Structures are given as C-alpha cells and as structure tokens.
Amino acid sequence: MRLPTSRLFTQQRLTIKTGAGGTEVYGNLKDGADAIAEIERICDWLMDPVACPTSWPILLTIRAENPMYGQAPPATA
C-alpha cells in the first residue's frame, strides 16, 4: 500500500527539526523498525472502516480488494 508510505515520507521531509549544529533543518525519514511500525500503524488505521470512515473511492477500492488485510493467514499443515 503506497498511500501511508507517501504520507510518512512527506510528513518527515516537511517537518523542521533542530539539527546537530543547533540550526533548523528539514527532518529526515525514520529508518529501521520504527519506520516499519509507523507505516503498519497507518495501514491498519486506513484499512479499518470504523477507525477511519471515508467516502474516498481510492481507499474504498483498496479495502474491497484486500478484505483479509490485517488477519492472520490460515494455518497450514
């Protein structure tokens, strides 16, 4: 799912933070497990029709195409 990734990328790039030298700099992307956890949290929220009600056709299509999103895969023997 690209929507949460794009949102996270834009948010991190446009956030102004204090750099190592004490000057204001644009933020950097998170990396590692914290970025993955943030993207998963956003995906879970977007795919939950109760937590994120919407009439946006693109998101509704994504939800319809991925009805099993967030559910554990069936156990295989």
PDB file of N, CA and C in Angstrom:
ATOM      1  N   MET A   1       0.855  -1.171   0.000  1.00  0.00           N
ATOM      2  CA  MET A   1       0.000   0.000   0.000  1.00  0.00           C
ATOM      3  C   MET A   1       0.898   1.230   0.000  1.00  0.00           C
ATOM      4  N   ARG A   2       0.729   2.083  -0.955  1.00  0.00           N
ATOM      5  CA  ARG A   2       1.628   3.214  -1.129  1.00  0.00           C
ATOM      6  C   ARG A   2       1.157   4.472  -0.413  1.00  0.00           C
ATOM      7  N   LEU A   3      -0.125   4.604  -0.141  1.00  0.00           N
ATOM      8  CA  LEU A   3      -0.643   5.825   0.472  1.00  0.00           C
ATOM      9  C   LEU A   3       0.022   6.134   1.814  1.00  0.00           C
ATOM     10  N   PRO A   4       0.078   5.199   2.772  1.00  0.00           N
ATOM     11  CA  PRO A   4       0.736   5.503   4.044  1.00  0.00           C
ATOM     12  C   PRO A   4       2.214   5.830   3.874  1.00  0.00           C
ATOM     13  N   THR A   5       2.875   5.141   2.956  1.00  0.00           N
ATOM     14  CA  THR A   5       4.284   5.406   2.720  1.00  0.00           C
ATOM     15  C   THR A   5       4.484   6.823   2.218  1.00  0.00           C
ATOM     16  N   SER A   6       3.643   7.261   1.304  1.00  0.00           N
ATOM     17  CA  SER A   6       3.735   8.622   0.769  1.00  0.00           C
ATOM     18  C   SER A   6       3.466   9.653   1.850  1.00  0.00           C
ATOM     19  N   ARG A   7       2.476   9.379   2.691  1.00  0.00           N
ATOM     20  CA  ARG A   7       2.145  10.312   3.774  1.00  0.00           C
ATOM     21  C   ARG A   7       3.315  10.437   4.744  1.00  0.00           C
ATOM     22  N   LEU A   8       3.879   9.302   5.132  1.00  0.00           N
ATOM     23  CA  LEU A   8       5.001   9.311   6.063  1.00  0.00           C
ATOM     24  C   LEU A   8       6.200  10.031   5.468  1.00  0.00           C
ATOM     25  N   PHE A   9       6.498   9.737   4.208  1.00  0.00           N
ATOM     26  CA  PHE A   9       7.617  10.373   3.533  1.00  0.00           C
ATOM     27  C   PHE A   9       7.452  11.892   3.529  1.00  0.00           C
ATOM     28  N   THR A  10       6.284  12.356   3.117  1.00  0.00           N
ATOM     29  CA  THR A  10       6.026  13.800   3.041  1.00  0.00           C
ATOM     30  C   THR A  10       6.097  14.450   4.417  1.00  0.00           C
ATOM     31  N   GLN A  11       5.478  13.814   5.402  1.00  0.00           N
ATOM     32  CA  GLN A  11       5.488  14.371   6.754  1.00  0.00           C
ATOM     33  C   GLN A  11       6.913  14.503   7.281  1.00  0.00           C
ATOM     34  N   GLN A  12       7.714  13.468   7.104  1.00  0.00           N
ATOM     35  CA  GLN A  12       9.076  13.507   7.613  1.00  0.00           C
ATOM     36  C   GLN A  12       9.940  14.520   6.872  1.00  0.00           C
ATOM     37  N   ARG A  13       9.753  14.631   5.586  1.00  0.00           N
ATOM     38  CA  ARG A  13      10.559  15.571   4.799  1.00  0.00           C
ATOM     39  C   ARG A  13      10.191  17.021   5.072  1.00  0.00           C
ATOM     40  N   LEU A  14       8.937  17.287   5.438  1.00  0.00           N
ATOM     41  CA  LEU A  14       8.499  18.663   5.641  1.00  0.00           C
ATOM     42  C   LEU A  14       8.540  19.108   7.101  1.00  0.00           C
ATOM     43  N   THR A  15       8.867  18.209   8.000  1.00  0.00           N
ATOM     44  CA  THR A  15       8.964  18.554   9.413  1.00  0.00           C
ATOM     45  C   THR A  15      10.305  19.248   9.670  1.00  0.00           C
ATOM     46  N   ILE A  16      10.265  20.405  10.306  1.00  0.00           N
ATOM     47  CA  ILE A  16      11.502  21.118  10.636  1.00  0.00           C
ATOM     48  C   ILE A  16      11.929  20.719  12.045  1.00  0.00           C
ATOM     49  N   LYS A  17      13.191  20.319  12.157  1.00  0.00           N
ATOM     50  CA  LYS A  17      13.748  19.877  13.431  1.00  0.00           C
ATOM     51  C   LYS A  17      15.028  20.636  13.712  1.00  0.00           C
ATOM     52  N   THR A  18      15.532  20.494  14.910  1.00  0.00           N
ATOM     53  CA  THR A  18      16.813  21.096  15.262  1.00  0.00           C
ATOM     54  C   THR A  18      17.920  20.117  14.905  1.00  0.00           C
ATOM     55  N   GLY A  19      18.846  20.550  14.075  1.00  0.00           N
ATOM     56  CA  GLY A  19      19.946  19.700  13.639  1.00  0.00           C
ATOM     57  C   GLY A  19      21.037  19.610  14.681  1.00  0.00           C
ATOM     58  N   ALA A  20      22.054  18.828  14.387  1.00  0.00           N
ATOM     59  CA  ALA A  20      23.158  18.602  15.318  1.00  0.00           C
ATOM     60  C   ALA A  20      23.882  19.896  15.668  1.00  0.00           C
ATOM     61  N   GLY A  21      23.967  20.832  14.721  1.00  0.00           N
ATOM     62  CA  GLY A  21      24.659  22.092  14.982  1.00  0.00           C
ATOM     63  C   GLY A  21      23.779  23.150  15.635  1.00  0.00           C
ATOM     64  N   GLY A  22      22.535  22.781  15.966  1.00  0.00           N
ATOM     65  CA  GLY A  22      21.634  23.714  16.609  1.00  0.00           C
ATOM     66  C   GLY A  22      20.802  24.541  15.637  1.00  0.00           C
ATOM     67  N   THR A  23      21.004  24.345  14.347  1.00  0.00           N
ATOM     68  CA  THR A  23      20.227  25.080  13.350  1.00  0.00           C
ATOM     69  C   THR A  23      18.991  24.281  12.968  1.00  0.00           C
ATOM     70  N   GLU A  24      18.009  24.987  12.411  1.00  0.00           N
ATOM     71  CA  GLU A  24      16.800  24.304  11.971  1.00  0.00           C
ATOM     72  C   GLU A  24      17.047  23.634  10.628  1.00  0.00           C
ATOM     73  N   VAL A  25      16.643  22.383  10.533  1.00  0.00           N
ATOM     74  CA  VAL A  25      16.806  21.605   9.304  1.00  0.00           C
ATOM     75  C   VAL A  25      15.512  20.848   9.044  1.00  0.00           C
ATOM     76  N   TYR A  26      15.316  20.504   7.776  1.00  0.00           N
ATOM     77  CA  TYR A  26      14.185  19.646   7.470  1.00  0.00           C
ATOM     78  C   TYR A  26      14.455  18.269   8.035  1.00  0.00           C
ATOM     79  N   GLY A  27      13.411  17.619   8.520  1.00  0.00           N
ATOM     80  CA  GLY A  27      13.548  16.312   9.141  1.00  0.00           C
ATOM     81  C   GLY A  27      13.978  15.242   8.171  1.00  0.00           C
ATOM     82  N   ASN A  28      14.464  14.162   8.719  1.00  0.00           N
ATOM     83  CA  ASN A  28      14.877  13.009   7.935  1.00  0.00           C
ATOM     84  C   ASN A  28      13.858  11.898   8.119  1.00  0.00           C
ATOM     85  N   LEU A  29      13.857  10.989   7.195  1.00  0.00           N
ATOM     86  CA  LEU A  29      12.979   9.837   7.326  1.00  0.00           C
ATOM     87  C   LEU A  29      13.451   8.954   8.463  1.00  0.00           C
ATOM     88  N   LYS A  30      12.495   8.328   9.113  1.00  0.00           N
ATOM     89  CA  LYS A  30      12.853   7.322  10.098  1.00  0.00           C
ATOM     90  C   LYS A  30      13.410   6.132   9.343  1.00  0.00           C
ATOM     91  N   ASP A  31      14.228   5.383  10.000  1.00  0.00           N
ATOM     92  CA  ASP A  31      14.691   4.157   9.374  1.00  0.00           C
ATOM     93  C   ASP A  31      14.637   3.042  10.402  1.00  0.00           C
ATOM     94  N   GLY A  32      14.676   1.845   9.936  1.00  0.00           N
ATOM     95  CA  GLY A  32      14.651   0.705  10.832  1.00  0.00           C
ATOM     96  C   GLY A  32      13.257   0.346  11.283  1.00  0.00           C
ATOM     97  N   ALA A  33      13.185  -0.286  12.444  1.00  0.00           N
ATOM     98  CA  ALA A  33      11.921  -0.824  12.951  1.00  0.00           C
ATOM     99  C   ALA A  33      10.895   0.259  13.247  1.00  0.00           C
ATOM    100  N   ASP A  34      11.328   1.457  13.658  1.00  0.00           N
ATOM    101  CA  ASP A  34      10.352   2.496  13.978  1.00  0.00           C
ATOM    102  C   ASP A  34       9.586   2.948  12.742  1.00  0.00           C
ATOM    103  N   ALA A  35      10.233   2.983  11.586  1.00  0.00           N
ATOM    104  CA  ALA A  35       9.552   3.369  10.345  1.00  0.00           C
ATOM    105  C   ALA A  35       8.564   2.290   9.935  1.00  0.00           C
ATOM    106  N   ILE A  36       8.969   1.047  10.029  1.00  0.00           N
ATOM    107  CA  ILE A  36       8.085  -0.054   9.664  1.00  0.00           C
ATOM    108  C   ILE A  36       6.866  -0.064  10.582  1.00  0.00           C
ATOM    109  N   ALA A  37       7.085   0.122  11.871  1.00  0.00           N
ATOM    110  CA  ALA A  37       5.976   0.140  12.827  1.00  0.00           C
ATOM    111  C   ALA A  37       5.027   1.299  12.540  1.00  0.00           C
ATOM    112  N   GLU A  38       5.549   2.450  12.196  1.00  0.00           N
ATOM    113  CA  GLU A  38       4.715   3.614  11.887  1.00  0.00           C
ATOM    114  C   GLU A  38       3.885   3.363  10.630  1.00  0.00           C
ATOM    115  N   ILE A  39       4.487   2.797   9.607  1.00  0.00           N
ATOM    116  CA  ILE A  39       3.758   2.506   8.368  1.00  0.00           C
ATOM    117  C   ILE A  39       2.676   1.466   8.628  1.00  0.00           C
ATOM    118  N   GLU A  40       2.982   0.435   9.393  1.00  0.00           N
ATOM    119  CA  GLU A  40       1.984  -0.580   9.718  1.00  0.00           C
ATOM    120  C   GLU A  40       0.822   0.021  10.509  1.00  0.00           C
ATOM    121  N   ARG A  41       1.131   0.921  11.437  1.00  0.00           N
ATOM    122  CA  ARG A  41       0.081   1.566  12.230  1.00  0.00           C
ATOM    123  C   ARG A  41      -0.838   2.387  11.324  1.00  0.00           C
ATOM    124  N   ILE A  42      -0.263   3.109  10.370  1.00  0.00           N
ATOM    125  CA  ILE A  42      -1.047   3.918   9.441  1.00  0.00           C
ATOM    126  C   ILE A  42      -1.886   3.012   8.543  1.00  0.00           C
ATOM    127  N   CYS A  43      -1.288   1.932   8.043  1.00  0.00           N
ATOM    128  CA  CYS A  43      -2.030   0.989   7.196  1.00  0.00           C
ATOM    129  C   CYS A  43      -3.209   0.390   7.956  1.00  0.00           C
ATOM    130  N   ASP A  44      -2.963  -0.037   9.183  1.00  0.00           N
ATOM    131  CA  ASP A  44      -4.040  -0.616   9.988  1.00  0.00           C
ATOM    132  C   ASP A  44      -5.173   0.382  10.178  1.00  0.00           C
ATOM    133  N   TRP A  45      -4.838   1.626  10.456  1.00  0.00           N
ATOM    134  CA  TRP A  45      -5.851   2.664  10.644  1.00  0.00           C
ATOM    135  C   TRP A  45      -6.637   2.904   9.356  1.00  0.00           C
ATOM    136  N   LEU A  46      -5.931   3.035   8.234  1.00  0.00           N
ATOM    137  CA  LEU A  46      -6.608   3.282   6.965  1.00  0.00           C
ATOM    138  C   LEU A  46      -7.518   2.130   6.554  1.00  0.00           C
ATOM    139  N   MET A  47      -7.139   0.916   6.854  1.00  0.00           N
ATOM    140  CA  MET A  47      -7.917  -0.247   6.443  1.00  0.00           C
ATOM    141  C   MET A  47      -9.080  -0.554   7.380  1.00  0.00           C
ATOM    142  N   ASP A  48      -9.165   0.122   8.512  1.00  0.00           N
ATOM    143  CA  ASP A  48     -10.242  -0.100   9.484  1.00  0.00           C
ATOM    144  C   ASP A  48     -11.393   0.860   9.191  1.00  0.00           C
ATOM    145  N   PRO A  49     -12.531   0.360   8.691  1.00  0.00           N
ATOM    146  CA  PRO A  49     -13.636   1.251   8.339  1.00  0.00           C
ATOM    147  C   PRO A  49     -14.275   1.944   9.543  1.00  0.00           C
ATOM    148  N   VAL A  50     -14.098   1.391  10.738  1.00  0.00           N
ATOM    149  CA  VAL A  50     -14.647   2.034  11.936  1.00  0.00           C
ATOM    150  C   VAL A  50     -13.726   3.166  12.390  1.00  0.00           C
ATOM    151  N   ALA A  51     -12.422   2.898  12.442  1.00  0.00           N
ATOM    152  CA  ALA A  51     -11.455   3.896  12.899  1.00  0.00           C
ATOM    153  C   ALA A  51     -11.246   5.001  11.869  1.00  0.00           C
ATOM    154  N   CYS A  52     -11.399   4.656  10.578  1.00  0.00           N
ATOM    155  CA  CYS A  52     -11.152   5.617   9.506  1.00  0.00           C
ATOM    156  C   CYS A  52     -12.302   5.595   8.501  1.00  0.00           C
ATOM    157  N   PRO A  53     -13.456   6.139   8.900  1.00  0.00           N
ATOM    158  CA  PRO A  53     -14.569   6.173   7.945  1.00  0.00           C
ATOM    159  C   PRO A  53     -14.229   7.113   6.783  1.00  0.00           C
ATOM    160  N   THR A  54     -14.620   6.718   5.580  1.00  0.00           N
ATOM    161  CA  THR A  54     -14.268   7.526   4.417  1.00  0.00           C
ATOM    162  C   THR A  54     -15.260   7.307   3.286  1.00  0.00           C
ATOM    163  N   SER A  55     -15.308   8.264   2.402  1.00  0.00           N
ATOM    164  CA  SER A  55     -16.058   8.090   1.159  1.00  0.00           C
ATOM    165  C   SER A  55     -15.095   8.214  -0.021  1.00  0.00           C
ATOM    166  N   TRP A  56     -13.795   8.217   0.262  1.00  0.00           N
ATOM    167  CA  TRP A  56     -12.773   8.360  -0.759  1.00  0.00           C
ATOM    168  C   TRP A  56     -12.730   7.092  -1.601  1.00  0.00           C
ATOM    169  N   PRO A  57     -13.056   7.175  -2.880  1.00  0.00           N
ATOM    170  CA  PRO A  57     -13.158   5.983  -3.727  1.00  0.00           C
ATOM    171  C   PRO A  57     -11.886   5.140  -3.798  1.00  0.00           C
ATOM    172  N   ILE A  58     -10.735   5.763  -3.792  1.00  0.00           N
ATOM    173  CA  ILE A  58      -9.487   5.004  -3.889  1.00  0.00           C
ATOM    174  C   ILE A  58      -9.302   4.109  -2.668  1.00  0.00           C
ATOM    175  N   LEU A  59      -9.521   4.659  -1.483  1.00  0.00           N
ATOM    176  CA  LEU A  59      -9.369   3.860  -0.270  1.00  0.00           C
ATOM    177  C   LEU A  59     -10.436   2.781  -0.195  1.00  0.00           C
ATOM    178  N   LEU A  60     -11.650   3.091  -0.597  1.00  0.00           N
ATOM    179  CA  LEU A  60     -12.708   2.083  -0.606  1.00  0.00           C
ATOM    180  C   LEU A  60     -12.360   0.933  -1.556  1.00  0.00           C
ATOM    181  N   THR A  61     -11.769   1.249  -2.698  1.00  0.00           N
ATOM    182  CA  THR A  61     -11.347   0.216  -3.647  1.00  0.00           C
ATOM    183  C   THR A  61     -10.245  -0.647  -3.046  1.00  0.00           C
ATOM    184  N   ILE A  62      -9.266  -0.021  -2.401  1.00  0.00           N
ATOM    185  CA  ILE A  62      -8.171  -0.767  -1.770  1.00  0.00           C
ATOM    186  C   ILE A  62      -8.721  -1.701  -0.703  1.00  0.00           C
ATOM    187  N   ARG A  63      -9.663  -1.204   0.099  1.00  0.00           N
ATOM    188  CA  ARG A  63     -10.265  -2.056   1.130  1.00  0.00           C
ATOM    189  C   ARG A  63     -11.018  -3.228   0.502  1.00  0.00           C
ATOM    190  N   ALA A  64     -11.756  -2.963  -0.571  1.00  0.00           N
ATOM    191  CA  ALA A  64     -12.520  -4.019  -1.230  1.00  0.00           C
ATOM    192  C   ALA A  64     -11.607  -5.076  -1.852  1.00  0.00           C
ATOM    193  N   GLU A  65     -10.456  -4.650  -2.354  1.00  0.00           N
ATOM    194  CA  GLU A  65      -9.517  -5.570  -2.986  1.00  0.00           C
ATOM    195  C   GLU A  65      -8.683  -6.355  -1.975  1.00  0.00           C
ATOM    196  N   ASN A  66      -8.699  -5.943  -0.718  1.00  0.00           N
ATOM    197  CA  ASN A  66      -7.887  -6.582   0.328  1.00  0.00           C
ATOM    198  C   ASN A  66      -8.728  -6.877   1.567  1.00  0.00           C
ATOM    199  N   PRO A  67      -9.794  -7.677   1.419  1.00  0.00           N
ATOM    200  CA  PRO A  67     -10.699  -7.896   2.561  1.00  0.00           C
ATOM    201  C   PRO A  67     -10.058  -8.638   3.724  1.00  0.00           C
ATOM    202  N   MET A  68      -8.965  -9.339   3.494  1.00  0.00           N
ATOM    203  CA  MET A  68      -8.310 -10.112   4.548  1.00  0.00           C
ATOM    204  C   MET A  68      -7.166  -9.343   5.197  1.00  0.00           C
ATOM    205  N   TYR A  69      -6.986  -8.072   4.859  1.00  0.00           N
ATOM    206  CA  TYR A  69      -5.872  -7.293   5.393  1.00  0.00           C
ATOM    207  C   TYR A  69      -5.935  -7.283   6.923  1.00  0.00           C
ATOM    208  N   GLY A  70      -4.803  -7.527   7.540  1.00  0.00           N
ATOM    209  CA  GLY A  70      -4.704  -7.464   8.995  1.00  0.00           C
ATOM    210  C   GLY A  70      -5.096  -8.755   9.690  1.00  0.00           C
ATOM    211  N   GLN A  71      -5.592  -9.725   8.958  1.00  0.00           N
ATOM    212  CA  GLN A  71      -5.952 -11.004   9.570  1.00  0.00           C
ATOM    213  C   GLN A  71      -4.794 -11.968   9.402  1.00  0.00           C
ATOM    214  N   ALA A  72      -4.642 -12.818  10.398  1.00  0.00           N
ATOM    215  CA  ALA A  72      -3.572 -13.823  10.344  1.00  0.00           C
ATOM    216  C   ALA A  72      -3.871 -14.802   9.204  1.00  0.00           C
ATOM    217  N   PRO A  73      -2.852 -15.219   8.481  1.00  0.00           N
ATOM    218  CA  PRO A  73      -3.072 -16.203   7.423  1.00  0.00           C
ATOM    219  C   PRO A  73      -3.515 -17.536   8.031  1.00  0.00           C
ATOM    220  N   PRO A  74      -4.283 -18.315   7.271  1.00  0.00           N
ATOM    221  CA  PRO A  74      -4.725 -19.620   7.814  1.00  0.00           C
ATOM    222  C   PRO A  74      -3.532 -20.539   8.072  1.00  0.00           C
ATOM    223  N   ALA A  75      -3.659 -21.333   9.095  1.00  0.00           N
ATOM    224  CA  ALA A  75      -2.590 -22.280   9.450  1.00  0.00           C
ATOM    225  C   ALA A  75      -2.506 -23.355   8.371  1.00  0.00           C
ATOM    226  N   THR A  76      -1.276 -23.717   8.035  1.00  0.00           N
ATOM    227  CA  THR A  76      -1.068 -24.780   7.052  1.00  0.00           C
ATOM    228  C   THR A  76      -0.401 -25.967   7.735  1.00  0.00           C
ATOM    229  N   ALA A  77      -0.709 -27.129   7.268  1.00  0.00           N
ATOM    230  CA  ALA A  77      -0.151 -28.335   7.887  1.00  0.00           C
ATOM    231  C   ALA A  77       1.119 -28.764   7.204  1.00  0.00           C
TER     232      ALA A  77
END
